[in-house]
C-alpha atoms as a PDB file:
ATOM      1  CA  UNK A   1       5.850  24.177  46.444  1.00  0.00           C
ATOM      2  CA  UNK A   2       9.526  25.086  46.110  1.00  0.00           C
ATOM      3  CA  UNK A   3      10.388  21.416  45.489  1.00  0.00           C
ATOM      4  CA  UNK A   4       7.695  21.197  42.800  1.00  0.00           C
ATOM      5  CA  UNK A   5       9.030  24.296  41.023  1.00  0.00           C
ATOM      6  CA  UNK A   6      12.578  22.952  41.279  1.00  0.00           C
ATOM      7  CA  UNK A   7      11.580  19.624  39.694  1.00  0.00           C
ATOM      8  CA  UNK A   8       9.609  21.359  36.906  1.00  0.00           C
ATOM      9  CA  UNK A   9      12.473  23.721  36.160  1.00  0.00           C
ATOM     10  CA  UNK A  10      14.919  20.806  35.966  1.00  0.00           C
ATOM     11  CA  UNK A  11      12.681  18.615  33.804  1.00  0.00           C
ATOM     12  CA  UNK A  12      11.401  21.324  31.441  1.00  0.00           C
ATOM     13  CA  UNK A  13      14.590  21.487  29.314  1.00  0.00           C
ATOM     14  CA  UNK A  14      14.722  17.685  29.068  1.00  0.00           C
ATOM     15  CA  UNK A  15      11.050  17.377  28.088  1.00  0.00           C
ATOM     16  CA  UNK A  16      11.193  20.201  25.561  1.00  0.00           C
ATOM     17  CA  UNK A  17      14.355  18.712  23.988  1.00  0.00           C
ATOM     18  CA  UNK A  18      12.670  15.288  23.677  1.00  0.00           C
ATOM     19  CA  UNK A  19       9.771  16.840  21.778  1.00  0.00           C
ATOM     20  CA  UNK A  20      11.761  19.127  19.508  1.00  0.00           C
ATOM     21  CA  UNK A  21      12.286  17.956  15.947  1.00  0.00           C
ATOM     22  CA  UNK A  22      15.864  16.997  15.162  1.00  0.00           C
ATOM     23  CA  UNK A  23      16.239  17.217  11.421  1.00  0.00           C
ATOM     24  CA  UNK A  24      18.133  14.264  10.054  1.00  0.00           C
ATOM     25  CA  UNK A  25      18.377  14.993   6.348  1.00  0.00           C
ATOM     26  CA  UNK A  26      17.583  12.093   4.073  1.00  0.00           C
ATOM     27  CA  UNK A  27      17.062  11.716   0.347  1.00  0.00           C
ATOM     28  CA  UNK A  28      19.358  14.699  -0.165  1.00  0.00           C
ATOM     29  CA  UNK A  29      21.927  15.448  -2.841  1.00  0.00           C
ATOM     30  CA  UNK A  30      25.141  13.448  -2.471  1.00  0.00           C
ATOM     31  CA  UNK A  31      23.683  10.673  -0.317  1.00  0.00           C
ATOM     32  CA  UNK A  32      24.316   7.030  -1.202  1.00  0.00           C
ATOM     33  CA  UNK A  33      21.960   4.188  -0.261  1.00  0.00           C
ATOM     34  CA  UNK A  34      22.454   0.456  -0.668  1.00  0.00           C
ATOM     35  CA  UNK A  35      19.930  -2.261  -0.010  1.00  0.00           C
ATOM     36  CA  UNK A  36      18.142  -5.383  -1.071  1.00  0.00           C
ATOM     37  CA  UNK A  37      14.543  -6.156  -1.884  1.00  0.00           C
ATOM     38  CA  UNK A  38      12.552  -9.347  -2.218  1.00  0.00           C
ATOM     39  CA  UNK A  39       9.313  -9.621  -4.080  1.00  0.00           C
ATOM     40  CA  UNK A  40       6.838 -11.593  -6.103  1.00  0.00           C
ATOM     41  CA  UNK A  41       5.053 -11.007  -9.364  1.00  0.00           C
ATOM     42  CA  UNK A  42       3.032 -12.340 -12.241  1.00  0.00           C
ATOM     43  CA  UNK A  43       3.626 -12.356 -15.986  1.00  0.00           C
ATOM     44  CA  UNK A  44       1.235 -13.636 -18.611  1.00  0.00           C
ATOM     45  CA  UNK A  45       3.871 -15.874 -20.249  1.00  0.00           C
ATOM     46  CA  UNK A  46       6.057 -16.723 -17.240  1.00  0.00           C
ATOM     47  CA  UNK A  47       3.402 -17.182 -14.567  1.00  0.00           C
ATOM     48  CA  UNK A  48       4.313 -16.429 -10.962  1.00  0.00           C
ATOM     49  CA  UNK A  49       7.846 -15.546  -9.950  1.00  0.00           C
ATOM     50  CA  UNK A  50       9.974 -14.635  -6.948  1.00  0.00           C
ATOM     51  CA  UNK A  51      12.528 -11.822  -7.209  1.00  0.00           C
ATOM     52  CA  UNK A  52      15.655 -10.645  -5.365  1.00  0.00           C
ATOM     53  CA  UNK A  53      16.985  -7.145  -6.130  1.00  0.00           C
ATOM     54  CA  UNK A  54      20.223  -5.766  -4.668  1.00  0.00           C
ATOM     55  CA  UNK A  55      20.698  -2.061  -5.414  1.00  0.00           C
ATOM     56  CA  UNK A  56      22.801   1.064  -4.881  1.00  0.00           C
ATOM     57  CA  UNK A  57      21.525   4.559  -5.502  1.00  0.00           C
ATOM     58  CA  UNK A  58      23.048   8.019  -5.543  1.00  0.00           C
ATOM     59  CA  UNK A  59      21.034  11.205  -5.056  1.00  0.00           C
ATOM     60  CA  UNK A  60      21.860  13.638  -7.858  1.00  0.00           C
ATOM     61  CA  UNK A  61      19.603  16.319  -6.354  1.00  0.00           C
ATOM     62  CA  UNK A  62      17.337  16.446  -3.307  1.00  0.00           C
ATOM     63  CA  UNK A  63      14.683  13.762  -3.880  1.00  0.00           C
ATOM     64  CA  UNK A  64      16.060  12.577  -7.247  1.00  0.00           C
ATOM     65  CA  UNK A  65      18.227   9.435  -7.393  1.00  0.00           C
ATOM     66  CA  UNK A  66      20.015   7.367 -10.015  1.00  0.00           C
ATOM     67  CA  UNK A  67      19.876   3.676  -9.130  1.00  0.00           C
ATOM     68  CA  UNK A  68      21.897   0.649 -10.289  1.00  0.00           C
ATOM     69  CA  UNK A  69      20.014  -2.574  -9.624  1.00  0.00           C
ATOM     70  CA  UNK A  70      20.539  -6.268 -10.132  1.00  0.00           C
ATOM     71  CA  UNK A  71      17.633  -8.651 -10.586  1.00  0.00           C
ATOM     72  CA  UNK A  72      17.203 -12.369 -10.140  1.00  0.00           C
ATOM     73  CA  UNK A  73      13.850 -14.042 -10.816  1.00  0.00           C
ATOM     74  CA  UNK A  74      12.857 -17.622 -10.192  1.00  0.00           C
ATOM     75  CA  UNK A  75       9.799 -18.352 -12.323  1.00  0.00           C
ATOM     76  CA  UNK A  76       7.194 -20.930 -11.433  1.00  0.00           C
ATOM     77  CA  UNK A  77       7.498 -24.658 -10.850  1.00  0.00           C
ATOM     78  CA  UNK A  78       9.497 -25.224 -14.054  1.00  0.00           C
ATOM     79  CA  UNK A  79      12.572 -23.558 -12.566  1.00  0.00           C
ATOM     80  CA  UNK A  80      12.846 -20.873 -15.247  1.00  0.00           C
ATOM     81  CA  UNK A  81      15.245 -18.103 -14.252  1.00  0.00           C
ATOM     82  CA  UNK A  82      16.128 -14.528 -15.171  1.00  0.00           C
ATOM     83  CA  UNK A  83      19.259 -12.622 -14.189  1.00  0.00           C
ATOM     84  CA  UNK A  84      19.901  -9.055 -15.235  1.00  0.00           C
ATOM     85  CA  UNK A  85      20.930  -5.560 -14.272  1.00  0.00           C
ATOM     86  CA  UNK A  86      19.906  -2.062 -15.146  1.00  0.00           C
ATOM     87  CA  UNK A  87      19.616   1.604 -14.338  1.00  0.00           C
ATOM     88  CA  UNK A  88      16.583   3.371 -12.940  1.00  0.00           C
ATOM     89  CA  UNK A  89      15.759   6.828 -11.739  1.00  0.00           C
ATOM     90  CA  UNK A  90      13.594   7.612  -8.743  1.00  0.00           C
ATOM     91  CA  UNK A  91      11.873  10.895  -8.043  1.00  0.00           C
ATOM     92  CA  UNK A  92      10.561  11.338  -4.487  1.00  0.00           C
ATOM     93  CA  UNK A  93       7.600  13.650  -5.092  1.00  0.00           C
ATOM     94  CA  UNK A  94       6.170  13.580  -1.550  1.00  0.00           C
ATOM     95  CA  UNK A  95       8.605  13.848   1.362  1.00  0.00           C
ATOM     96  CA  UNK A  96       8.027  14.283   5.066  1.00  0.00           C
ATOM     97  CA  UNK A  97      10.413  13.820   7.965  1.00  0.00           C
ATOM     98  CA  UNK A  98      10.178  10.001   7.791  1.00  0.00           C
ATOM     99  CA  UNK A  99       7.950   9.104   4.824  1.00  0.00           C
ATOM    100  CA  UNK A 100       8.440   9.440   1.084  1.00  0.00           C
ATOM    101  CA  UNK A 101       6.410   8.501  -1.985  1.00  0.00           C
ATOM    102  CA  UNK A 102       8.273   8.076  -5.269  1.00  0.00           C
ATOM    103  CA  UNK A 103       7.947   7.195  -8.936  1.00  0.00           C
ATOM    104  CA  UNK A 104      10.526   4.999 -10.672  1.00  0.00           C
ATOM    105  CA  UNK A 105      11.401   4.449 -14.333  1.00  0.00           C
ATOM    106  CA  UNK A 106      14.238   2.328 -15.676  1.00  0.00           C
ATOM    107  CA  UNK A 107      15.664  -0.056 -18.236  1.00  0.00           C
ATOM    108  CA  UNK A 108      16.982  -3.542 -17.454  1.00  0.00           C
ATOM    109  CA  UNK A 109      18.812  -6.038 -19.630  1.00  0.00           C
ATOM    110  CA  UNK A 110      19.382  -9.671 -18.832  1.00  0.00           C
ATOM    111  CA  UNK A 111      19.341 -13.324 -19.741  1.00  0.00           C
ATOM    112  CA  UNK A 112      16.555 -15.753 -19.150  1.00  0.00           C
ATOM    113  CA  UNK A 113      16.670 -19.527 -19.122  1.00  0.00           C
ATOM    114  CA  UNK A 114      13.339 -21.161 -20.037  1.00  0.00           C
ATOM    115  CA  UNK A 115      12.210 -24.745 -20.131  1.00  0.00           C
ATOM    116  CA  UNK A 116      10.236 -25.406 -23.317  1.00  0.00           C
ATOM    117  CA  UNK A 117       8.708 -28.467 -24.993  1.00  0.00           C
ATOM    118  CA  UNK A 118       9.179 -29.864 -28.490  1.00  0.00           C
ATOM    119  CA  UNK A 119       7.785 -32.865 -30.286  1.00  0.00           C
ATOM    120  CA  UNK A 120      10.270 -35.637 -31.063  1.00  0.00           C
ATOM    121  CA  UNK A 121       9.945 -39.003 -32.768  1.00  0.00           C
ATOM    122  CA  UNK A 122       6.936 -37.724 -34.657  1.00  0.00           C
ATOM    123  CA  UNK A 123       5.194 -40.311 -36.808  1.00  0.00           C
ATOM    124  CA  UNK A 124       1.708 -40.152 -38.325  1.00  0.00           C
ATOM    125  CA  UNK A 125       0.291 -42.021 -35.330  1.00  0.00           C
ATOM    126  CA  UNK A 126       2.552 -41.084 -32.406  1.00  0.00           C
ATOM    127  CA  UNK A 127       5.056 -38.660 -30.972  1.00  0.00           C
ATOM    128  CA  UNK A 128       6.289 -37.547 -27.611  1.00  0.00           C
ATOM    129  CA  UNK A 129       7.061 -34.246 -25.970  1.00  0.00           C
ATOM    130  CA  UNK A 130      10.565 -33.563 -24.787  1.00  0.00           C
ATOM    131  CA  UNK A 131      11.524 -30.770 -22.415  1.00  0.00           C
ATOM    132  CA  UNK A 132      14.566 -28.683 -23.329  1.00  0.00           C
ATOM    133  CA  UNK A 133      16.114 -25.428 -22.105  1.00  0.00           C
ATOM    134  CA  UNK A 134      16.596 -22.325 -24.173  1.00  0.00           C
ATOM    135  CA  UNK A 135      18.240 -19.019 -23.284  1.00  0.00           C
ATOM    136  CA  UNK A 136      17.195 -15.559 -24.452  1.00  0.00           C
ATOM    137  CA  UNK A 137      18.693 -12.120 -23.921  1.00  0.00           C
ATOM    138  CA  UNK A 138      16.268  -9.217 -23.747  1.00  0.00           C
ATOM    139  CA  UNK A 139      15.708  -5.775 -22.335  1.00  0.00           C
ATOM    140  CA  UNK A 140      12.693  -4.302 -20.605  1.00  0.00           C
ATOM    141  CA  UNK A 141      11.453  -0.926 -19.429  1.00  0.00           C
ATOM    142  CA  UNK A 142       9.828  -0.561 -16.057  1.00  0.00           C
ATOM    143  CA  UNK A 143       7.565   1.997 -14.401  1.00  0.00           C
ATOM    144  CA  UNK A 144       6.623   1.904 -10.753  1.00  0.00           C
ATOM    145  CA  UNK A 145       5.274   3.691  -7.708  1.00  0.00           C
ATOM    146  CA  UNK A 146       6.645   3.172  -4.235  1.00  0.00           C
ATOM    147  CA  UNK A 147       6.949   4.389  -0.677  1.00  0.00           C
ATOM    148  CA  UNK A 148       9.903   4.618   1.664  1.00  0.00           C
ATOM    149  CA  UNK A 149       9.885   4.973   5.457  1.00  0.00           C
ATOM    150  CA  UNK A 150      12.948   6.059   7.416  1.00  0.00           C
ATOM    151  CA  UNK A 151      13.493   3.870  10.490  1.00  0.00           C
ATOM    152  CA  UNK A 152      16.414   5.810  11.954  1.00  0.00           C
ATOM    153  CA  UNK A 153      19.200   8.060  10.794  1.00  0.00           C
ATOM    154  CA  UNK A 154      20.524   5.455   8.328  1.00  0.00           C
ATOM    155  CA  UNK A 155      17.997   2.607   7.890  1.00  0.00           C
ATOM    156  CA  UNK A 156      14.831   2.644   5.801  1.00  0.00           C
ATOM    157  CA  UNK A 157      12.236   0.211   4.477  1.00  0.00           C
ATOM    158  CA  UNK A 158      10.585   0.529   1.084  1.00  0.00           C
ATOM    159  CA  UNK A 159       7.834  -0.981  -1.018  1.00  0.00           C
ATOM    160  CA  UNK A 160       7.511  -0.788  -4.799  1.00  0.00           C
ATOM    161  CA  UNK A 161       4.812  -1.873  -7.254  1.00  0.00           C
ATOM    162  CA  UNK A 162       5.921  -1.902 -10.874  1.00  0.00           C
ATOM    163  CA  UNK A 163       5.055  -2.874 -14.427  1.00  0.00           C
ATOM    164  CA  UNK A 164       7.806  -4.326 -16.638  1.00  0.00           C
ATOM    165  CA  UNK A 165       7.367  -4.006 -20.402  1.00  0.00           C
ATOM    166  CA  UNK A 166       9.518  -5.799 -22.937  1.00  0.00           C
ATOM    167  CA  UNK A 167       9.496  -7.140 -26.447  1.00  0.00           C
ATOM    168  CA  UNK A 168       8.388 -10.731 -26.871  1.00  0.00           C
ATOM    169  CA  UNK A 169      11.377 -13.005 -27.465  1.00  0.00           C
ATOM    170  CA  UNK A 170      10.460 -16.231 -29.224  1.00  0.00           C
ATOM    171  CA  UNK A 171       7.272 -17.359 -27.518  1.00  0.00           C
ATOM    172  CA  UNK A 172       8.191 -15.691 -24.220  1.00  0.00           C
ATOM    173  CA  UNK A 173       7.008 -12.199 -23.284  1.00  0.00           C
ATOM    174  CA  UNK A 174       8.783  -9.898 -20.858  1.00  0.00           C
ATOM    175  CA  UNK A 175       5.643  -8.087 -19.625  1.00  0.00           C
ATOM    176  CA  UNK A 176       4.975  -8.597 -15.929  1.00  0.00           C
ATOM    177  CA  UNK A 177       3.747  -6.965 -12.741  1.00  0.00           C
ATOM    178  CA  UNK A 178       5.514  -7.261  -9.406  1.00  0.00           C
ATOM    179  CA  UNK A 179       5.740  -5.898  -5.895  1.00  0.00           C
ATOM    180  CA  UNK A 180       8.934  -5.663  -3.905  1.00  0.00           C
ATOM    181  CA  UNK A 181       9.633  -5.035  -0.216  1.00  0.00           C
ATOM    182  CA  UNK A 182      13.127  -3.956   0.750  1.00  0.00           C
ATOM    183  CA  UNK A 183      15.451  -2.541   3.339  1.00  0.00           C
ATOM    184  CA  UNK A 184      18.005   0.156   2.677  1.00  0.00           C
ATOM    185  CA  UNK A 185      21.036   1.612   4.437  1.00  0.00           C
ATOM    186  CA  UNK A 186      22.382   5.133   3.898  1.00  0.00           C
ATOM    187  CA  UNK A 187      26.182   4.961   3.575  1.00  0.00           C
ATOM    188  CA  UNK A 188      26.833   8.647   3.086  1.00  0.00           C
END
């Protein structure tokens, strides 16, 4: 019985320490996160697209971040592309020790390169279509909802679903929906 009590008394501090919550603050004022996301989306004028989004964000207050983000889209089989950058703000409205839900709003500006068709050699009885490339600059607003899960003291994964809204440029609209999955690293 003495041996049993000795073992319990030695293991009790270790077991209670392993179960105690060690607060590792995250999403707090002054923290800086960097990361990259990959995603896919759909726009009525551009069709399906793949997206890469590197970002850096700084927490102005606990749960509220200002984010600088780059975007690169590859649109559909025609090889249309978009490259741009912008600023967004995120507000983490639901936070637990490891999980956070947030809303995001931002503005992005960039250049797109589209393949279009025009009629050439038009006669009353014939003509042919020729593919050509045209570039447009445009801005778009975005609104989104996302979640973030902290993997450790510095790493996190996130998911974001968003709606991009922009003015139609030529025959091309900037409205689209997309989802993005990413990984982040807290620098500070």
